[in-house]
Amino acid sequence: MPPPTALRALPVVLLGTVLAVSACAPARGVSIPPGAADLDRCLGRTILVDDLASVGEPGCDLAGSGVWTESGIRVVVQPVGVTFSSSLSSNPDFTLTVVNWGIPGVSATLSERGEVVQTWATSETAADLEAEQQRLDGLRP
């Protein structure tokens, strides 16, 4: 985790949206796997994107936890089915987007000017769901 002063020193631009992911499977979205409503909330924690794979399927809802890059971009995990993006105001070309997939955990994608740079996930299932959403959105891996 970066020192708290490093996060305070870096202005951040936050962009929140509800992605076309939901339990209802909208026309251009990926379905959230069943069972998310039964998850208990995880104890909040901050996870470096490079460490997401080591989390595995968390067995709880990661909403409220933080995901961050070493460059200082930080995103708070939103409720299941919601995506949230953040970028540094000093370098808005790079954006970190995090999706809470429920039981499989979360995925995080770093993009530069709308092009995918790298994707991380807590589980293979979360990575597959994110890859499918990126295909639907017309993004190149």
N, C-alpha and C. Protein backbone atom coordinates (compact mmCIF):
# COMPACT_ATOMS: atom_id res chain seq x y z
N MET A 1 0.85 -1.18 0.00
CA MET A 1 0.00 0.00 0.00
C MET A 1 0.89 1.23 0.00
N PRO A 2 0.57 2.24 -0.85
CA PRO A 2 1.42 3.42 -0.87
C PRO A 2 1.23 4.19 0.42
N PRO A 3 2.24 4.98 0.77
CA PRO A 3 2.08 5.79 1.96
C PRO A 3 0.91 6.75 1.77
N PRO A 4 0.14 7.01 2.82
CA PRO A 4 -1.03 7.87 2.71
C PRO A 4 -0.71 9.23 2.11
N THR A 5 0.47 9.77 2.38
CA THR A 5 0.81 11.08 1.83
C THR A 5 0.91 11.03 0.32
N ALA A 6 1.33 9.89 -0.25
CA ALA A 6 1.43 9.78 -1.70
C ALA A 6 0.05 9.89 -2.33
N LEU A 7 -0.94 9.30 -1.72
CA LEU A 7 -2.29 9.37 -2.27
C LEU A 7 -2.84 10.79 -2.15
N ARG A 8 -2.56 11.47 -1.06
CA ARG A 8 -3.06 12.83 -0.90
C ARG A 8 -2.39 13.79 -1.87
N ALA A 9 -1.15 13.50 -2.25
CA ALA A 9 -0.41 14.41 -3.11
C ALA A 9 -0.84 14.31 -4.57
N LEU A 10 -1.54 13.25 -4.95
CA LEU A 10 -1.89 13.05 -6.34
C LEU A 10 -3.38 13.34 -6.55
N PRO A 11 -3.72 14.39 -7.29
CA PRO A 11 -5.13 14.66 -7.56
C PRO A 11 -5.70 13.55 -8.43
N VAL A 12 -6.90 13.16 -8.16
CA VAL A 12 -7.53 12.05 -8.87
C VAL A 12 -8.84 12.50 -9.48
N VAL A 13 -9.09 12.01 -10.68
CA VAL A 13 -10.36 12.25 -11.35
C VAL A 13 -11.16 10.96 -11.23
N LEU A 14 -12.37 11.03 -10.69
CA LEU A 14 -13.20 9.85 -10.50
C LEU A 14 -14.37 9.87 -11.46
N LEU A 15 -14.62 8.73 -12.05
CA LEU A 15 -15.73 8.60 -12.97
C LEU A 15 -16.52 7.36 -12.58
N GLY A 16 -17.74 7.52 -12.18
CA GLY A 16 -18.55 6.37 -11.78
C GLY A 16 -19.66 6.13 -12.76
N THR A 17 -19.84 4.88 -13.13
CA THR A 17 -20.94 4.54 -14.01
C THR A 17 -21.46 3.16 -13.65
N VAL A 18 -22.67 2.91 -14.02
CA VAL A 18 -23.19 1.56 -13.92
C VAL A 18 -22.98 0.95 -15.28
N LEU A 19 -22.12 -0.05 -15.34
CA LEU A 19 -21.82 -0.73 -16.59
C LEU A 19 -23.01 -1.57 -16.98
N ALA A 20 -23.02 -2.01 -18.18
CA ALA A 20 -24.11 -2.86 -18.63
C ALA A 20 -23.93 -4.28 -18.11
N VAL A 21 -23.55 -4.39 -16.85
CA VAL A 21 -23.46 -5.70 -16.23
C VAL A 21 -24.49 -5.75 -15.12
N SER A 22 -25.27 -6.77 -15.13
CA SER A 22 -26.27 -6.91 -14.07
C SER A 22 -26.80 -8.33 -14.08
N ALA A 23 -27.51 -8.64 -13.04
CA ALA A 23 -28.11 -9.97 -12.94
C ALA A 23 -29.19 -10.17 -13.99
N CYS A 24 -29.67 -9.09 -14.62
CA CYS A 24 -30.74 -9.20 -15.60
C CYS A 24 -30.23 -9.47 -17.01
N ALA A 25 -28.94 -9.43 -17.23
CA ALA A 25 -28.33 -9.65 -18.55
C ALA A 25 -28.89 -8.72 -19.60
N PRO A 26 -28.64 -7.41 -19.51
CA PRO A 26 -29.10 -6.49 -20.52
C PRO A 26 -28.49 -6.81 -21.89
N ALA A 27 -29.00 -6.20 -22.92
CA ALA A 27 -28.62 -6.52 -24.29
C ALA A 27 -27.11 -6.47 -24.53
N ARG A 28 -26.42 -5.50 -23.99
CA ARG A 28 -24.98 -5.38 -24.24
C ARG A 28 -24.14 -5.66 -23.01
N GLY A 29 -24.66 -6.41 -22.09
CA GLY A 29 -23.90 -6.65 -20.87
C GLY A 29 -23.68 -8.12 -20.59
N VAL A 30 -22.81 -8.35 -19.66
CA VAL A 30 -22.48 -9.69 -19.22
C VAL A 30 -23.26 -9.97 -17.93
N SER A 31 -23.81 -11.15 -17.83
CA SER A 31 -24.58 -11.51 -16.63
C SER A 31 -23.66 -11.71 -15.44
N ILE A 32 -24.10 -11.20 -14.30
CA ILE A 32 -23.41 -11.45 -13.04
C ILE A 32 -23.76 -12.88 -12.63
N PRO A 33 -22.76 -13.68 -12.24
CA PRO A 33 -23.08 -15.04 -11.80
C PRO A 33 -24.04 -15.04 -10.62
N PRO A 34 -24.92 -16.03 -10.55
CA PRO A 34 -25.90 -16.08 -9.45
C PRO A 34 -25.21 -16.23 -8.09
N GLY A 35 -25.90 -15.81 -7.06
CA GLY A 35 -25.42 -15.98 -5.69
C GLY A 35 -24.82 -14.73 -5.08
N ALA A 36 -24.63 -13.68 -5.86
CA ALA A 36 -23.99 -12.46 -5.34
C ALA A 36 -24.79 -11.85 -4.20
N ALA A 37 -26.11 -11.95 -4.27
CA ALA A 37 -26.95 -11.35 -3.22
C ALA A 37 -26.78 -12.04 -1.87
N ASP A 38 -26.25 -13.25 -1.89
CA ASP A 38 -26.06 -14.01 -0.65
C ASP A 38 -24.69 -13.80 0.00
N LEU A 39 -23.83 -13.02 -0.66
CA LEU A 39 -22.48 -12.80 -0.12
C LEU A 39 -22.49 -11.83 1.05
N ASP A 40 -21.71 -12.14 2.07
CA ASP A 40 -21.46 -11.18 3.14
C ASP A 40 -20.39 -10.21 2.66
N ARG A 41 -20.35 -9.04 3.22
CA ARG A 41 -19.34 -8.04 2.87
C ARG A 41 -18.00 -8.46 3.44
N CYS A 42 -16.95 -8.36 2.64
CA CYS A 42 -15.59 -8.64 3.10
C CYS A 42 -15.13 -7.52 4.03
N LEU A 43 -14.15 -7.79 4.86
CA LEU A 43 -13.49 -6.72 5.60
C LEU A 43 -12.76 -5.88 4.56
N GLY A 44 -12.92 -4.57 4.64
CA GLY A 44 -12.29 -3.69 3.66
C GLY A 44 -10.78 -3.84 3.67
N ARG A 45 -10.21 -3.84 2.50
CA ARG A 45 -8.76 -3.90 2.36
C ARG A 45 -8.35 -3.19 1.09
N THR A 46 -7.08 -2.91 0.97
CA THR A 46 -6.56 -2.28 -0.24
C THR A 46 -5.66 -3.29 -0.93
N ILE A 47 -5.90 -3.48 -2.24
CA ILE A 47 -5.21 -4.52 -2.98
C ILE A 47 -4.51 -3.90 -4.19
N LEU A 48 -3.22 -4.13 -4.33
CA LEU A 48 -2.46 -3.72 -5.51
C LEU A 48 -2.95 -4.57 -6.68
N VAL A 49 -3.16 -3.95 -7.85
CA VAL A 49 -3.68 -4.70 -9.00
C VAL A 49 -2.84 -5.94 -9.29
N ASP A 50 -1.53 -5.84 -9.13
CA ASP A 50 -0.67 -6.99 -9.39
C ASP A 50 -0.92 -8.15 -8.43
N ASP A 51 -1.57 -7.89 -7.32
CA ASP A 51 -1.86 -8.92 -6.32
C ASP A 51 -3.28 -9.47 -6.41
N LEU A 52 -4.10 -8.99 -7.35
CA LEU A 52 -5.49 -9.44 -7.42
C LEU A 52 -5.60 -10.95 -7.62
N ALA A 53 -4.77 -11.53 -8.47
CA ALA A 53 -4.87 -12.97 -8.73
C ALA A 53 -4.65 -13.79 -7.46
N SER A 54 -3.82 -13.29 -6.55
CA SER A 54 -3.55 -14.03 -5.32
C SER A 54 -4.74 -14.02 -4.37
N VAL A 55 -5.70 -13.11 -4.59
CA VAL A 55 -6.91 -13.06 -3.75
C VAL A 55 -7.79 -14.26 -4.03
N GLY A 56 -7.91 -14.66 -5.29
CA GLY A 56 -8.79 -15.75 -5.66
C GLY A 56 -10.25 -15.34 -5.46
N GLU A 57 -11.16 -16.30 -5.61
CA GLU A 57 -12.56 -16.00 -5.32
C GLU A 57 -12.64 -15.67 -3.84
N PRO A 58 -13.04 -14.45 -3.51
CA PRO A 58 -12.91 -14.01 -2.11
C PRO A 58 -13.89 -14.66 -1.14
N GLY A 59 -15.00 -15.21 -1.60
CA GLY A 59 -15.98 -15.81 -0.70
C GLY A 59 -16.82 -14.77 0.03
N CYS A 60 -16.65 -13.51 -0.35
CA CYS A 60 -17.41 -12.40 0.23
C CYS A 60 -17.43 -11.27 -0.80
N ASP A 61 -18.23 -10.27 -0.54
CA ASP A 61 -18.37 -9.12 -1.45
C ASP A 61 -17.28 -8.11 -1.15
N LEU A 62 -16.44 -7.82 -2.14
CA LEU A 62 -15.31 -6.89 -1.96
C LEU A 62 -15.72 -5.42 -2.02
N ALA A 63 -17.02 -5.11 -2.14
CA ALA A 63 -17.46 -3.71 -2.17
C ALA A 63 -16.89 -2.96 -0.96
N GLY A 64 -16.34 -1.79 -1.22
CA GLY A 64 -15.75 -0.98 -0.17
C GLY A 64 -14.24 -1.14 -0.05
N SER A 65 -13.71 -2.21 -0.62
CA SER A 65 -12.26 -2.38 -0.64
C SER A 65 -11.67 -1.46 -1.71
N GLY A 66 -10.37 -1.27 -1.66
CA GLY A 66 -9.70 -0.42 -2.64
C GLY A 66 -8.78 -1.24 -3.53
N VAL A 67 -8.68 -0.83 -4.78
CA VAL A 67 -7.74 -1.42 -5.74
C VAL A 67 -6.90 -0.28 -6.26
N TRP A 68 -5.58 -0.48 -6.33
CA TRP A 68 -4.71 0.61 -6.75
C TRP A 68 -3.55 0.13 -7.61
N THR A 69 -3.00 1.06 -8.38
CA THR A 69 -1.81 0.81 -9.19
C THR A 69 -0.62 1.46 -8.50
N GLU A 70 0.55 1.00 -8.81
CA GLU A 70 1.75 1.61 -8.23
C GLU A 70 1.91 3.07 -8.65
N SER A 71 1.30 3.45 -9.77
CA SER A 71 1.38 4.85 -10.21
C SER A 71 0.46 5.76 -9.39
N GLY A 72 -0.37 5.16 -8.52
CA GLY A 72 -1.20 5.96 -7.62
C GLY A 72 -2.67 6.05 -7.96
N ILE A 73 -3.10 5.40 -9.03
CA ILE A 73 -4.53 5.40 -9.34
C ILE A 73 -5.22 4.46 -8.37
N ARG A 74 -6.28 4.93 -7.72
CA ARG A 74 -6.99 4.13 -6.73
C ARG A 74 -8.48 4.14 -7.03
N VAL A 75 -9.10 2.97 -6.93
CA VAL A 75 -10.54 2.84 -7.16
C VAL A 75 -11.14 2.08 -5.99
N VAL A 76 -12.25 2.58 -5.47
CA VAL A 76 -12.98 1.86 -4.43
C VAL A 76 -13.95 0.92 -5.13
N VAL A 77 -13.94 -0.34 -4.73
CA VAL A 77 -14.83 -1.35 -5.32
C VAL A 77 -16.27 -1.00 -4.96
N GLN A 78 -17.10 -0.93 -5.97
CA GLN A 78 -18.51 -0.59 -5.82
C GLN A 78 -19.36 -1.85 -5.62
N PRO A 79 -20.66 -1.71 -5.41
CA PRO A 79 -21.53 -2.88 -5.25
C PRO A 79 -21.48 -3.80 -6.48
N VAL A 80 -21.88 -5.03 -6.29
CA VAL A 80 -21.88 -6.02 -7.37
C VAL A 80 -22.63 -5.47 -8.59
N GLY A 81 -22.00 -5.62 -9.77
CA GLY A 81 -22.60 -5.19 -11.01
C GLY A 81 -22.29 -3.76 -11.39
N VAL A 82 -21.54 -3.06 -10.56
CA VAL A 82 -21.22 -1.66 -10.83
C VAL A 82 -19.74 -1.54 -11.16
N THR A 83 -19.45 -0.71 -12.15
CA THR A 83 -18.07 -0.44 -12.51
C THR A 83 -17.73 0.99 -12.09
N PHE A 84 -16.48 1.22 -11.77
CA PHE A 84 -16.05 2.56 -11.38
C PHE A 84 -14.65 2.77 -11.92
N SER A 85 -14.40 3.97 -12.45
CA SER A 85 -13.12 4.30 -13.06
C SER A 85 -12.50 5.50 -12.39
N SER A 86 -11.17 5.54 -12.44
CA SER A 86 -10.44 6.65 -11.86
C SER A 86 -9.16 6.86 -12.66
N SER A 87 -8.73 8.10 -12.74
CA SER A 87 -7.44 8.41 -13.35
C SER A 87 -6.82 9.57 -12.60
N LEU A 88 -5.53 9.74 -12.75
CA LEU A 88 -4.84 10.86 -12.12
C LEU A 88 -5.06 12.11 -12.96
N SER A 89 -5.34 13.22 -12.32
CA SER A 89 -5.52 14.44 -13.09
C SER A 89 -4.21 14.85 -13.76
N SER A 90 -3.07 14.43 -13.21
CA SER A 90 -1.78 14.74 -13.81
C SER A 90 -1.50 13.90 -15.05
N ASN A 91 -2.25 12.80 -15.24
CA ASN A 91 -2.10 11.95 -16.41
C ASN A 91 -3.42 11.26 -16.71
N PRO A 92 -4.39 12.03 -17.24
CA PRO A 92 -5.74 11.47 -17.46
C PRO A 92 -5.83 10.47 -18.61
N ASP A 93 -4.73 10.28 -19.36
CA ASP A 93 -4.76 9.31 -20.45
C ASP A 93 -4.89 7.88 -19.94
N PHE A 94 -4.43 7.64 -18.71
CA PHE A 94 -4.51 6.31 -18.12
C PHE A 94 -5.68 6.25 -17.14
N THR A 95 -6.51 5.23 -17.29
CA THR A 95 -7.69 5.05 -16.45
C THR A 95 -7.71 3.63 -15.90
N LEU A 96 -8.03 3.51 -14.62
CA LEU A 96 -8.22 2.20 -14.00
C LEU A 96 -9.71 2.01 -13.78
N THR A 97 -10.25 0.92 -14.32
CA THR A 97 -11.67 0.60 -14.18
C THR A 97 -11.79 -0.72 -13.43
N VAL A 98 -12.64 -0.72 -12.41
CA VAL A 98 -12.83 -1.92 -11.58
C VAL A 98 -14.30 -2.33 -11.65
N VAL A 99 -14.54 -3.62 -11.85
CA VAL A 99 -15.89 -4.18 -11.88
C VAL A 99 -16.00 -5.22 -10.76
N ASN A 100 -17.07 -5.15 -10.00
CA ASN A 100 -17.36 -6.14 -8.96
C ASN A 100 -18.29 -7.19 -9.56
N TRP A 101 -17.76 -8.41 -9.73
CA TRP A 101 -18.52 -9.49 -10.36
C TRP A 101 -19.21 -10.38 -9.34
N GLY A 102 -19.12 -10.06 -8.06
CA GLY A 102 -19.77 -10.88 -7.03
C GLY A 102 -18.92 -12.06 -6.62
N ILE A 103 -19.44 -13.27 -6.76
CA ILE A 103 -18.74 -14.47 -6.29
C ILE A 103 -17.34 -14.61 -6.89
N PRO A 104 -17.13 -14.37 -8.19
CA PRO A 104 -15.76 -14.51 -8.72
C PRO A 104 -14.82 -13.39 -8.28
N GLY A 105 -15.34 -12.36 -7.66
CA GLY A 105 -14.50 -11.26 -7.19
C GLY A 105 -14.56 -10.06 -8.12
N VAL A 106 -13.41 -9.46 -8.36
CA VAL A 106 -13.36 -8.23 -9.16
C VAL A 106 -12.34 -8.36 -10.28
N SER A 107 -12.52 -7.49 -11.28
CA SER A 107 -11.52 -7.33 -12.33
C SER A 107 -11.13 -5.86 -12.37
N ALA A 108 -9.91 -5.61 -12.80
CA ALA A 108 -9.41 -4.25 -12.93
C ALA A 108 -8.73 -4.14 -14.29
N THR A 109 -9.05 -3.08 -15.02
CA THR A 109 -8.46 -2.88 -16.33
C THR A 109 -7.83 -1.51 -16.40
N LEU A 110 -6.56 -1.48 -16.80
CA LEU A 110 -5.87 -0.22 -17.04
C LEU A 110 -5.97 0.06 -18.53
N SER A 111 -6.45 1.24 -18.88
CA SER A 111 -6.54 1.61 -20.29
C SER A 111 -5.84 2.93 -20.52
N GLU A 112 -5.37 3.10 -21.73
CA GLU A 112 -4.75 4.35 -22.15
C GLU A 112 -5.53 4.88 -23.34
N ARG A 113 -6.16 6.04 -23.16
CA ARG A 113 -6.97 6.66 -24.20
C ARG A 113 -7.96 5.67 -24.81
N GLY A 114 -8.60 4.86 -23.95
CA GLY A 114 -9.64 3.94 -24.40
C GLY A 114 -9.13 2.59 -24.89
N GLU A 115 -7.83 2.37 -24.95
CA GLU A 115 -7.27 1.10 -25.37
C GLU A 115 -6.81 0.32 -24.14
N VAL A 116 -7.15 -0.96 -24.07
CA VAL A 116 -6.77 -1.79 -22.94
C VAL A 116 -5.25 -1.96 -22.90
N VAL A 117 -4.65 -1.66 -21.75
CA VAL A 117 -3.22 -1.86 -21.53
C VAL A 117 -3.02 -3.20 -20.82
N GLN A 118 -3.77 -3.43 -19.75
CA GLN A 118 -3.65 -4.67 -19.00
C GLN A 118 -4.89 -4.88 -18.15
N THR A 119 -5.23 -6.15 -17.94
CA THR A 119 -6.36 -6.53 -17.10
C THR A 119 -5.88 -7.51 -16.03
N TRP A 120 -6.38 -7.32 -14.82
CA TRP A 120 -6.10 -8.22 -13.70
C TRP A 120 -7.44 -8.67 -13.14
N ALA A 121 -7.44 -9.78 -12.43
CA ALA A 121 -8.69 -10.27 -11.82
C ALA A 121 -8.37 -11.16 -10.64
N THR A 122 -9.35 -11.28 -9.73
CA THR A 122 -9.18 -12.12 -8.56
C THR A 122 -9.31 -13.60 -8.89
N SER A 123 -9.94 -13.92 -10.00
CA SER A 123 -10.13 -15.32 -10.38
C SER A 123 -10.20 -15.43 -11.90
N GLU A 124 -10.05 -16.64 -12.38
CA GLU A 124 -10.15 -16.87 -13.83
C GLU A 124 -11.56 -16.52 -14.32
N THR A 125 -12.57 -16.82 -13.51
CA THR A 125 -13.94 -16.49 -13.90
C THR A 125 -14.13 -14.99 -14.04
N ALA A 126 -13.62 -14.22 -13.09
CA ALA A 126 -13.71 -12.75 -13.18
C ALA A 126 -12.97 -12.25 -14.42
N ALA A 127 -11.82 -12.84 -14.73
CA ALA A 127 -11.06 -12.45 -15.92
C ALA A 127 -11.86 -12.76 -17.19
N ASP A 128 -12.51 -13.93 -17.23
CA ASP A 128 -13.32 -14.30 -18.39
C ASP A 128 -14.51 -13.36 -18.57
N LEU A 129 -15.17 -13.01 -17.47
CA LEU A 129 -16.30 -12.08 -17.53
C LEU A 129 -15.85 -10.71 -18.05
N GLU A 130 -14.71 -10.24 -17.56
CA GLU A 130 -14.18 -8.95 -18.01
C GLU A 130 -13.81 -9.01 -19.49
N ALA A 131 -13.19 -10.10 -19.94
CA ALA A 131 -12.83 -10.25 -21.35
C ALA A 131 -14.08 -10.22 -22.23
N GLU A 132 -15.14 -10.89 -21.78
CA GLU A 132 -16.40 -10.89 -22.55
C GLU A 132 -16.99 -9.47 -22.61
N GLN A 133 -16.97 -8.75 -21.48
CA GLN A 133 -17.49 -7.38 -21.48
C GLN A 133 -16.66 -6.50 -22.41
N GLN A 134 -15.35 -6.67 -22.42
CA GLN A 134 -14.50 -5.88 -23.31
C GLN A 134 -14.81 -6.18 -24.76
N ARG A 135 -15.05 -7.46 -25.10
CA ARG A 135 -15.44 -7.81 -26.48
C ARG A 135 -16.76 -7.13 -26.85
N LEU A 136 -17.74 -7.17 -25.95
CA LEU A 136 -19.03 -6.53 -26.23
C LEU A 136 -18.88 -5.02 -26.43
N ASP A 137 -17.93 -4.43 -25.70
CA ASP A 137 -17.68 -2.99 -25.82
C ASP A 137 -16.79 -2.65 -26.99
N GLY A 138 -16.30 -3.66 -27.71
CA GLY A 138 -15.46 -3.42 -28.87
C GLY A 138 -14.03 -3.04 -28.52
N LEU A 139 -13.58 -3.39 -27.33
CA LEU A 139 -12.21 -3.08 -26.92
C LEU A 139 -11.28 -4.20 -27.36
N ARG A 140 -10.07 -3.81 -27.72
CA ARG A 140 -9.06 -4.80 -28.07
C ARG A 140 -8.29 -5.22 -26.83
N PRO A 141 -8.05 -6.54 -26.67
CA PRO A 141 -7.28 -7.01 -25.50
C PRO A 141 -5.82 -6.60 -25.59
